[in-house]
Amino acid sequence: MRIRKTEEKDTAAVLEVYEDAKQYFSRNGIPQWQKGTPNAETLQEDMQRGYSYVLEEDGEVIGTACIIEENDSDYLQISDGAWLNDEPYIVIHRIAVRSSCKGRGTASQLLSFAEKRLQERGWRNIRIDTHEKNRSMRRFLAKNGFVQCGSVIVGRWREPRIACQKIM
C-alpha cells in the first residue's frame, strides 16, 4: 500500500469511496455526509489546495483523506469543552476507506501518514471531528489515542460534530 497526493485520474475512484461511505452511513442511521457533500466540487477544492491524498493497493484507490497542515476556521470555536492546547496542528477531514477494505488497518495507514507529516513539521497535534452517531469512527479515534474535547460546528451545513485531538 502507498499513499500519495490525489491526481485528476483518481477523481472517479475517490468519488466511489465517498459514495461507499455515504451508503454505509445511511444504512447505519448516521446522518453524516447525507446532504450531498463531500462531492466532486469538494474533492476538486481539496486537490487544488494540495490537501487530498489517496491510499492505493495494487494500483486501486482504496482510501482517501484530506490532510490540512494549517489551522481550520471551523475549529476556532469549541463548546462543551476545550482543545487540549493552542499549539499548531494538522487536521484530518473526509477520511474514508472502501467497505471491502475495512478491518484491515486501512484507515490506520492514513492516520499514520498524517502523523508522519506532523512529525516532519515538528508539530505534535492532530485534530479531527466526527458525527456523534458515527460510533465506528469514534472507536477508531479512541483506539488511536484521540481525546474527545467538545463540540464544533463544521462545514457548509453548519452541523455539530464531536471534536477530538491527539497529542503525539
N, C-alpha and C. Protein backbone atom coordinates (compact mmCIF):
# COMPACT_ATOMS: atom_id res chain seq x y z
N MET A 1 0.85 -1.18 0.00
CA MET A 1 0.00 0.00 0.00
C MET A 1 0.89 1.24 0.00
N ARG A 2 0.42 2.25 -0.71
CA ARG A 2 1.15 3.52 -0.70
C ARG A 2 0.17 4.68 -0.68
N ILE A 3 0.62 5.77 -0.11
CA ILE A 3 -0.20 6.99 -0.02
C ILE A 3 0.49 8.06 -0.85
N ARG A 4 -0.33 8.77 -1.61
CA ARG A 4 0.20 9.85 -2.46
C ARG A 4 -0.87 10.92 -2.62
N LYS A 5 -0.45 12.06 -3.15
CA LYS A 5 -1.40 13.13 -3.45
C LYS A 5 -2.42 12.63 -4.47
N THR A 6 -3.65 13.07 -4.32
CA THR A 6 -4.70 12.72 -5.27
C THR A 6 -4.44 13.45 -6.59
N GLU A 7 -4.61 12.74 -7.69
CA GLU A 7 -4.44 13.31 -9.02
C GLU A 7 -5.79 13.28 -9.74
N GLU A 8 -5.89 14.03 -10.83
CA GLU A 8 -7.14 14.08 -11.60
C GLU A 8 -7.63 12.68 -11.97
N LYS A 9 -6.70 11.80 -12.32
CA LYS A 9 -7.07 10.45 -12.73
C LYS A 9 -7.74 9.65 -11.61
N ASP A 10 -7.63 10.13 -10.38
CA ASP A 10 -8.20 9.44 -9.22
C ASP A 10 -9.62 9.90 -8.89
N THR A 11 -10.09 10.93 -9.57
CA THR A 11 -11.37 11.55 -9.21
C THR A 11 -12.51 10.54 -9.10
N ALA A 12 -12.71 9.74 -10.12
CA ALA A 12 -13.83 8.78 -10.09
C ALA A 12 -13.69 7.80 -8.94
N ALA A 13 -12.47 7.32 -8.70
CA ALA A 13 -12.26 6.34 -7.62
C ALA A 13 -12.52 6.96 -6.25
N VAL A 14 -12.07 8.20 -6.04
CA VAL A 14 -12.30 8.86 -4.75
C VAL A 14 -13.80 9.10 -4.55
N LEU A 15 -14.48 9.52 -5.61
CA LEU A 15 -15.93 9.73 -5.50
C LEU A 15 -16.64 8.41 -5.18
N GLU A 16 -16.14 7.30 -5.70
CA GLU A 16 -16.69 5.98 -5.36
C GLU A 16 -16.49 5.68 -3.87
N VAL A 17 -15.32 6.01 -3.34
CA VAL A 17 -15.05 5.79 -1.92
C VAL A 17 -16.00 6.65 -1.08
N TYR A 18 -16.18 7.92 -1.48
CA TYR A 18 -17.14 8.79 -0.78
C TYR A 18 -18.54 8.18 -0.81
N GLU A 19 -18.96 7.73 -1.99
CA GLU A 19 -20.31 7.17 -2.13
C GLU A 19 -20.48 5.91 -1.28
N ASP A 20 -19.47 5.09 -1.26
CA ASP A 20 -19.49 3.88 -0.43
C ASP A 20 -19.69 4.27 1.04
N ALA A 21 -18.95 5.29 1.50
CA ALA A 21 -19.07 5.75 2.88
C ALA A 21 -20.46 6.33 3.15
N LYS A 22 -20.98 7.10 2.20
CA LYS A 22 -22.33 7.67 2.37
C LYS A 22 -23.37 6.57 2.52
N GLN A 23 -23.25 5.52 1.72
CA GLN A 23 -24.19 4.40 1.81
C GLN A 23 -24.06 3.69 3.15
N TYR A 24 -22.83 3.50 3.61
CA TYR A 24 -22.59 2.89 4.92
C TYR A 24 -23.26 3.72 6.02
N PHE A 25 -23.05 5.04 5.97
CA PHE A 25 -23.66 5.93 6.96
C PHE A 25 -25.18 5.82 6.92
N SER A 26 -25.74 5.86 5.73
CA SER A 26 -27.19 5.78 5.58
C SER A 26 -27.75 4.48 6.15
N ARG A 27 -27.12 3.37 5.81
CA ARG A 27 -27.56 2.05 6.31
C ARG A 27 -27.50 1.97 7.83
N ASN A 28 -26.58 2.70 8.43
CA ASN A 28 -26.36 2.62 9.87
C ASN A 28 -26.97 3.79 10.64
N GLY A 29 -27.84 4.55 9.98
CA GLY A 29 -28.54 5.63 10.67
C GLY A 29 -27.67 6.80 11.07
N ILE A 30 -26.58 7.01 10.35
CA ILE A 30 -25.66 8.12 10.63
C ILE A 30 -25.94 9.22 9.61
N PRO A 31 -26.43 10.38 10.04
CA PRO A 31 -26.78 11.43 9.08
C PRO A 31 -25.58 12.20 8.51
N GLN A 32 -24.39 11.72 8.74
CA GLN A 32 -23.18 12.35 8.22
C GLN A 32 -23.09 12.13 6.71
N TRP A 33 -22.67 13.15 5.97
CA TRP A 33 -22.43 13.09 4.52
C TRP A 33 -23.71 12.77 3.74
N GLN A 34 -24.86 13.10 4.26
CA GLN A 34 -26.11 12.77 3.59
C GLN A 34 -26.74 13.96 2.86
N LYS A 35 -26.06 15.11 2.86
CA LYS A 35 -26.61 16.30 2.21
C LYS A 35 -25.85 16.67 0.94
N GLY A 36 -25.20 15.69 0.33
CA GLY A 36 -24.56 15.94 -0.95
C GLY A 36 -23.06 16.16 -0.91
N THR A 37 -22.51 16.36 0.25
CA THR A 37 -21.06 16.54 0.35
C THR A 37 -20.48 15.45 1.24
N PRO A 38 -19.26 15.05 1.03
CA PRO A 38 -18.35 15.55 0.00
C PRO A 38 -18.77 15.09 -1.39
N ASN A 39 -18.36 15.89 -2.37
CA ASN A 39 -18.72 15.61 -3.75
C ASN A 39 -17.54 16.00 -4.66
N ALA A 40 -17.78 16.02 -5.96
CA ALA A 40 -16.71 16.34 -6.91
C ALA A 40 -16.14 17.73 -6.67
N GLU A 41 -17.01 18.68 -6.34
CA GLU A 41 -16.54 20.04 -6.08
C GLU A 41 -15.64 20.08 -4.85
N THR A 42 -16.04 19.39 -3.79
CA THR A 42 -15.23 19.32 -2.56
C THR A 42 -13.87 18.72 -2.88
N LEU A 43 -13.88 17.62 -3.64
CA LEU A 43 -12.63 16.94 -3.99
C LEU A 43 -11.73 17.86 -4.82
N GLN A 44 -12.30 18.56 -5.80
CA GLN A 44 -11.50 19.47 -6.63
C GLN A 44 -10.86 20.55 -5.77
N GLU A 45 -11.61 21.12 -4.83
CA GLU A 45 -11.05 22.15 -3.94
C GLU A 45 -9.91 21.57 -3.11
N ASP A 46 -10.11 20.38 -2.56
CA ASP A 46 -9.06 19.73 -1.76
C ASP A 46 -7.82 19.48 -2.61
N MET A 47 -8.02 19.02 -3.84
CA MET A 47 -6.88 18.75 -4.72
C MET A 47 -6.14 20.04 -5.08
N GLN A 48 -6.89 21.10 -5.39
CA GLN A 48 -6.26 22.36 -5.76
C GLN A 48 -5.43 22.93 -4.61
N ARG A 49 -5.89 22.70 -3.40
CA ARG A 49 -5.17 23.20 -2.22
C ARG A 49 -4.04 22.26 -1.78
N GLY A 50 -3.98 21.08 -2.41
CA GLY A 50 -2.94 20.12 -2.06
C GLY A 50 -3.24 19.33 -0.80
N TYR A 51 -4.51 19.24 -0.43
CA TYR A 51 -4.91 18.58 0.82
C TYR A 51 -5.31 17.12 0.63
N SER A 52 -5.66 16.71 -0.57
CA SER A 52 -6.26 15.40 -0.79
C SER A 52 -5.21 14.33 -1.06
N TYR A 53 -5.37 13.20 -0.38
CA TYR A 53 -4.46 12.06 -0.53
C TYR A 53 -5.28 10.80 -0.78
N VAL A 54 -4.66 9.86 -1.49
CA VAL A 54 -5.27 8.55 -1.70
C VAL A 54 -4.34 7.47 -1.17
N LEU A 55 -4.97 6.41 -0.71
CA LEU A 55 -4.25 5.20 -0.34
C LEU A 55 -4.57 4.18 -1.42
N GLU A 56 -3.53 3.66 -2.06
CA GLU A 56 -3.78 2.69 -3.12
C GLU A 56 -3.10 1.37 -2.80
N GLU A 57 -3.72 0.33 -3.30
CA GLU A 57 -3.21 -1.02 -3.16
C GLU A 57 -3.32 -1.69 -4.52
N ASP A 58 -2.22 -2.20 -5.02
CA ASP A 58 -2.18 -2.84 -6.34
C ASP A 58 -2.80 -1.93 -7.40
N GLY A 59 -2.51 -0.63 -7.33
CA GLY A 59 -2.99 0.33 -8.31
C GLY A 59 -4.44 0.78 -8.14
N GLU A 60 -5.14 0.27 -7.11
CA GLU A 60 -6.54 0.63 -6.88
C GLU A 60 -6.64 1.56 -5.68
N VAL A 61 -7.40 2.64 -5.83
CA VAL A 61 -7.65 3.56 -4.72
C VAL A 61 -8.61 2.87 -3.76
N ILE A 62 -8.14 2.68 -2.51
CA ILE A 62 -8.97 2.01 -1.51
C ILE A 62 -9.32 2.92 -0.33
N GLY A 63 -8.70 4.09 -0.29
CA GLY A 63 -8.98 5.02 0.78
C GLY A 63 -8.56 6.43 0.41
N THR A 64 -9.06 7.37 1.18
CA THR A 64 -8.74 8.78 0.92
C THR A 64 -8.82 9.56 2.22
N ALA A 65 -8.13 10.67 2.25
CA ALA A 65 -8.21 11.59 3.38
C ALA A 65 -7.80 12.98 2.92
N CYS A 66 -8.37 13.96 3.58
CA CYS A 66 -8.00 15.35 3.39
C CYS A 66 -7.15 15.72 4.61
N ILE A 67 -5.89 16.03 4.37
CA ILE A 67 -4.96 16.36 5.46
C ILE A 67 -4.53 17.81 5.29
N ILE A 68 -4.94 18.62 6.24
CA ILE A 68 -4.71 20.06 6.17
C ILE A 68 -3.63 20.44 7.17
N GLU A 69 -2.58 21.06 6.68
CA GLU A 69 -1.45 21.41 7.54
C GLU A 69 -1.50 22.90 7.90
N GLU A 70 -2.68 23.32 8.34
CA GLU A 70 -2.87 24.70 8.81
C GLU A 70 -4.12 24.72 9.66
N ASN A 71 -4.33 25.80 10.36
CA ASN A 71 -5.49 25.92 11.23
C ASN A 71 -6.79 25.84 10.44
N ASP A 72 -7.81 25.28 11.05
CA ASP A 72 -9.13 25.13 10.45
C ASP A 72 -10.07 26.15 11.11
N SER A 73 -10.67 27.02 10.32
CA SER A 73 -11.54 28.06 10.88
C SER A 73 -12.73 27.47 11.63
N ASP A 74 -13.18 26.27 11.24
CA ASP A 74 -14.28 25.63 11.96
C ASP A 74 -13.89 25.25 13.38
N TYR A 75 -12.60 25.20 13.66
CA TYR A 75 -12.13 24.79 14.98
C TYR A 75 -11.81 25.96 15.90
N LEU A 76 -12.08 27.18 15.45
CA LEU A 76 -11.80 28.34 16.30
C LEU A 76 -12.74 28.40 17.50
N GLN A 77 -13.97 28.00 17.31
CA GLN A 77 -14.97 28.00 18.39
C GLN A 77 -15.25 26.56 18.79
N ILE A 78 -15.05 26.24 20.06
CA ILE A 78 -15.38 24.91 20.58
C ILE A 78 -16.27 25.11 21.80
N SER A 79 -17.30 24.29 21.89
CA SER A 79 -18.21 24.40 23.03
C SER A 79 -18.23 23.08 23.79
N ASP A 80 -18.77 23.12 24.99
CA ASP A 80 -18.87 21.93 25.85
C ASP A 80 -17.52 21.28 26.09
N GLY A 81 -16.47 22.11 26.19
CA GLY A 81 -15.14 21.59 26.44
C GLY A 81 -14.09 22.55 25.92
N ALA A 82 -12.89 22.04 25.69
CA ALA A 82 -11.79 22.87 25.20
C ALA A 82 -10.76 21.98 24.52
N TRP A 83 -10.04 22.58 23.56
CA TRP A 83 -8.92 21.86 22.96
C TRP A 83 -7.87 21.61 24.02
N LEU A 84 -7.03 20.61 23.82
CA LEU A 84 -6.02 20.24 24.80
C LEU A 84 -4.91 21.28 24.91
N ASN A 85 -4.68 22.03 23.82
CA ASN A 85 -3.70 23.12 23.83
C ASN A 85 -3.96 24.01 22.62
N ASP A 86 -3.20 25.09 22.51
CA ASP A 86 -3.36 26.03 21.40
C ASP A 86 -2.18 25.97 20.43
N GLU A 87 -1.45 24.88 20.44
CA GLU A 87 -0.29 24.73 19.57
C GLU A 87 -0.72 24.42 18.13
N PRO A 88 0.20 24.57 17.16
CA PRO A 88 -0.12 24.23 15.77
C PRO A 88 -0.58 22.77 15.65
N TYR A 89 -1.41 22.54 14.65
CA TYR A 89 -1.97 21.20 14.47
C TYR A 89 -2.25 20.91 13.00
N ILE A 90 -2.35 19.61 12.73
CA ILE A 90 -2.80 19.12 11.43
C ILE A 90 -4.25 18.69 11.61
N VAL A 91 -5.06 18.90 10.58
CA VAL A 91 -6.46 18.49 10.60
C VAL A 91 -6.66 17.35 9.60
N ILE A 92 -7.44 16.36 10.01
CA ILE A 92 -7.84 15.30 9.08
C ILE A 92 -9.34 15.43 8.86
N HIS A 93 -9.72 15.55 7.60
CA HIS A 93 -11.14 15.57 7.21
C HIS A 93 -11.35 14.50 6.15
N ARG A 94 -12.60 14.13 5.97
CA ARG A 94 -13.01 13.26 4.86
C ARG A 94 -12.16 12.00 4.74
N ILE A 95 -11.86 11.37 5.86
CA ILE A 95 -11.13 10.11 5.84
C ILE A 95 -12.15 9.00 5.57
N ALA A 96 -11.88 8.19 4.56
CA ALA A 96 -12.82 7.14 4.18
C ALA A 96 -12.07 6.02 3.48
N VAL A 97 -12.56 4.80 3.70
CA VAL A 97 -12.00 3.63 3.03
C VAL A 97 -13.13 2.81 2.43
N ARG A 98 -12.81 2.08 1.39
CA ARG A 98 -13.82 1.20 0.78
C ARG A 98 -14.29 0.19 1.83
N SER A 99 -15.58 -0.10 1.82
CA SER A 99 -16.14 -1.06 2.77
C SER A 99 -15.43 -2.41 2.68
N SER A 100 -15.06 -2.80 1.48
CA SER A 100 -14.39 -4.09 1.28
C SER A 100 -13.00 -4.13 1.92
N CYS A 101 -12.48 -2.97 2.32
CA CYS A 101 -11.14 -2.90 2.89
C CYS A 101 -11.14 -2.59 4.38
N LYS A 102 -12.32 -2.46 4.98
CA LYS A 102 -12.40 -2.16 6.41
C LYS A 102 -11.94 -3.37 7.22
N GLY A 103 -11.41 -3.07 8.40
CA GLY A 103 -10.96 -4.13 9.29
C GLY A 103 -9.56 -4.65 8.97
N ARG A 104 -8.88 -3.99 8.04
CA ARG A 104 -7.52 -4.42 7.65
C ARG A 104 -6.47 -3.38 8.01
N GLY A 105 -6.85 -2.38 8.80
CA GLY A 105 -5.90 -1.34 9.16
C GLY A 105 -5.74 -0.26 8.10
N THR A 106 -6.67 -0.20 7.17
CA THR A 106 -6.57 0.75 6.07
C THR A 106 -6.64 2.19 6.58
N ALA A 107 -7.62 2.50 7.42
CA ALA A 107 -7.73 3.86 7.97
C ALA A 107 -6.51 4.19 8.82
N SER A 108 -5.98 3.19 9.50
CA SER A 108 -4.77 3.41 10.33
C SER A 108 -3.58 3.82 9.48
N GLN A 109 -3.51 3.31 8.24
CA GLN A 109 -2.43 3.71 7.33
C GLN A 109 -2.52 5.21 7.03
N LEU A 110 -3.74 5.69 6.79
CA LEU A 110 -3.94 7.11 6.52
C LEU A 110 -3.59 7.95 7.74
N LEU A 111 -3.99 7.49 8.92
CA LEU A 111 -3.66 8.21 10.15
C LEU A 111 -2.15 8.23 10.36
N SER A 112 -1.48 7.12 10.16
CA SER A 112 -0.02 7.07 10.32
C SER A 112 0.68 8.04 9.36
N PHE A 113 0.14 8.15 8.15
CA PHE A 113 0.70 9.09 7.18
C PHE A 113 0.57 10.52 7.70
N ALA A 114 -0.59 10.87 8.24
CA ALA A 114 -0.80 12.22 8.80
C ALA A 114 0.14 12.45 9.97
N GLU A 115 0.34 11.43 10.80
CA GLU A 115 1.25 11.56 11.93
C GLU A 115 2.68 11.81 11.46
N LYS A 116 3.06 11.15 10.38
CA LYS A 116 4.41 11.36 9.81
C LYS A 116 4.54 12.80 9.31
N ARG A 117 3.51 13.29 8.62
CA ARG A 117 3.53 14.68 8.14
C ARG A 117 3.67 15.64 9.34
N LEU A 118 2.97 15.33 10.41
CA LEU A 118 3.01 16.13 11.63
C LEU A 118 4.43 16.20 12.18
N GLN A 119 5.06 15.05 12.29
CA GLN A 119 6.41 15.00 12.84
C GLN A 119 7.41 15.72 11.94
N GLU A 120 7.20 15.65 10.62
CA GLU A 120 8.08 16.36 9.69
C GLU A 120 8.02 17.87 9.91
N ARG A 121 6.87 18.35 10.33
CA ARG A 121 6.70 19.79 10.60
C ARG A 121 7.21 20.17 11.98
N GLY A 122 7.49 19.18 12.81
CA GLY A 122 7.91 19.47 14.17
C GLY A 122 6.74 19.81 15.09
N TRP A 123 5.55 19.46 14.67
CA TRP A 123 4.35 19.70 15.47
C TRP A 123 3.99 18.42 16.22
N ARG A 124 2.99 18.51 17.12
CA ARG A 124 2.62 17.32 17.87
C ARG A 124 1.11 17.13 18.02
N ASN A 125 0.30 17.93 17.32
CA ASN A 125 -1.14 17.87 17.50
C ASN A 125 -1.90 17.54 16.21
N ILE A 126 -2.86 16.64 16.34
CA ILE A 126 -3.78 16.33 15.25
C ILE A 126 -5.18 16.57 15.77
N ARG A 127 -6.00 17.23 14.97
CA ARG A 127 -7.41 17.44 15.31
C ARG A 127 -8.28 16.82 14.22
N ILE A 128 -9.43 16.34 14.64
CA ILE A 128 -10.39 15.71 13.74
C ILE A 128 -11.76 15.85 14.37
N ASP A 129 -12.80 15.75 13.55
CA ASP A 129 -14.16 15.76 14.10
C ASP A 129 -14.96 14.65 13.46
N THR A 130 -16.02 14.26 14.14
CA THR A 130 -16.90 13.23 13.60
C THR A 130 -18.31 13.42 14.14
N HIS A 131 -19.24 12.80 13.47
CA HIS A 131 -20.64 12.87 13.90
C HIS A 131 -20.85 12.04 15.16
N GLU A 132 -21.69 12.52 16.03
CA GLU A 132 -21.99 11.83 17.29
C GLU A 132 -22.41 10.38 17.06
N LYS A 133 -23.16 10.11 16.00
CA LYS A 133 -23.66 8.76 15.74
C LYS A 133 -22.67 7.86 15.00
N ASN A 134 -21.53 8.41 14.61
CA ASN A 134 -20.53 7.62 13.89
C ASN A 134 -19.68 6.86 14.91
N ARG A 135 -20.27 5.82 15.45
CA ARG A 135 -19.62 5.06 16.53
C ARG A 135 -18.34 4.36 16.07
N SER A 136 -18.32 3.89 14.83
CA SER A 136 -17.11 3.21 14.36
C SER A 136 -15.93 4.18 14.30
N MET A 137 -16.16 5.40 13.85
CA MET A 137 -15.07 6.40 13.82
C MET A 137 -14.69 6.79 15.24
N ARG A 138 -15.67 6.94 16.11
CA ARG A 138 -15.37 7.30 17.50
C ARG A 138 -14.51 6.22 18.16
N ARG A 139 -14.81 4.95 17.89
CA ARG A 139 -13.98 3.84 18.43
C ARG A 139 -12.58 3.89 17.84
N PHE A 140 -12.50 4.12 16.52
CA PHE A 140 -11.21 4.20 15.85
C PHE A 140 -10.36 5.32 16.47
N LEU A 141 -10.96 6.47 16.69
CA LEU A 141 -10.22 7.60 17.25
C LEU A 141 -9.75 7.30 18.67
N ALA A 142 -10.63 6.76 19.50
CA ALA A 142 -10.25 6.42 20.88
C ALA A 142 -9.12 5.39 20.89
N LYS A 143 -9.23 4.38 20.04
CA LYS A 143 -8.21 3.33 19.95
C LYS A 143 -6.85 3.90 19.55
N ASN A 144 -6.87 5.00 18.78
CA ASN A 144 -5.64 5.61 18.30
C ASN A 144 -5.19 6.83 19.10
N GLY A 145 -5.70 6.97 20.31
CA GLY A 145 -5.19 7.99 21.22
C GLY A 145 -5.81 9.36 21.15
N PHE A 146 -6.93 9.50 20.44
CA PHE A 146 -7.61 10.79 20.38
C PHE A 146 -8.48 10.97 21.61
N VAL A 147 -8.58 12.20 22.07
CA VAL A 147 -9.40 12.57 23.21
C VAL A 147 -10.55 13.43 22.72
N GLN A 148 -11.77 13.14 23.18
CA GLN A 148 -12.91 14.00 22.85
C GLN A 148 -12.77 15.29 23.65
N CYS A 149 -12.80 16.42 22.93
CA CYS A 149 -12.54 17.71 23.56
C CYS A 149 -13.78 18.58 23.71
N GLY A 150 -14.82 18.35 22.94
CA GLY A 150 -16.01 19.19 22.96
C GLY A 150 -16.75 19.07 21.65
N SER A 151 -17.40 20.16 21.27
CA SER A 151 -18.21 20.17 20.05
C SER A 151 -17.83 21.37 19.19
N VAL A 152 -17.77 21.13 17.88
CA VAL A 152 -17.53 22.20 16.91
C VAL A 152 -18.65 22.19 15.88
N ILE A 153 -18.84 23.32 15.24
CA ILE A 153 -19.82 23.45 14.16
C ILE A 153 -19.03 23.52 12.87
N VAL A 154 -19.33 22.59 11.93
CA VAL A 154 -18.47 22.49 10.74
C VAL A 154 -19.24 22.55 9.43
N GLY A 155 -18.50 22.89 8.40
CA GLY A 155 -18.97 22.77 7.03
C GLY A 155 -20.03 23.76 6.60
N ARG A 156 -20.38 23.60 5.34
CA ARG A 156 -21.37 24.44 4.69
C ARG A 156 -22.72 24.37 5.41
N TRP A 157 -23.03 23.19 5.98
CA TRP A 157 -24.34 23.00 6.62
C TRP A 157 -24.34 23.42 8.09
N ARG A 158 -23.14 23.81 8.60
CA ARG A 158 -23.01 24.29 9.98
C ARG A 158 -23.59 23.29 10.98
N GLU A 159 -23.12 22.06 10.89
CA GLU A 159 -23.61 20.98 11.74
C GLU A 159 -22.64 20.70 12.90
N PRO A 160 -23.18 20.30 14.05
CA PRO A 160 -22.30 19.99 15.20
C PRO A 160 -21.57 18.66 14.99
N ARG A 161 -20.35 18.64 15.46
CA ARG A 161 -19.53 17.44 15.41
C ARG A 161 -18.74 17.31 16.72
N ILE A 162 -18.41 16.08 17.06
CA ILE A 162 -17.54 15.84 18.21
C ILE A 162 -16.12 16.18 17.78
N ALA A 163 -15.48 17.05 18.55
CA ALA A 163 -14.12 17.50 18.26
C ALA A 163 -13.13 16.65 19.05
N CYS A 164 -12.13 16.12 18.38
CA CYS A 164 -11.14 15.26 19.02
C CYS A 164 -9.73 15.76 18.70
N GLN A 165 -8.83 15.48 19.62
CA GLN A 165 -7.44 15.89 19.44
C GLN A 165 -6.53 14.79 19.97
N LYS A 166 -5.40 14.67 19.30
CA LYS A 166 -4.35 13.74 19.75
C LYS A 166 -3.05 14.53 19.84
N ILE A 167 -2.35 14.34 20.96
CA ILE A 167 -1.02 14.93 21.11
C ILE A 167 -0.02 13.81 20.97
N MET A 168 0.91 13.99 20.05
CA MET A 168 1.94 12.97 19.82
C MET A 168 3.05 13.09 20.85
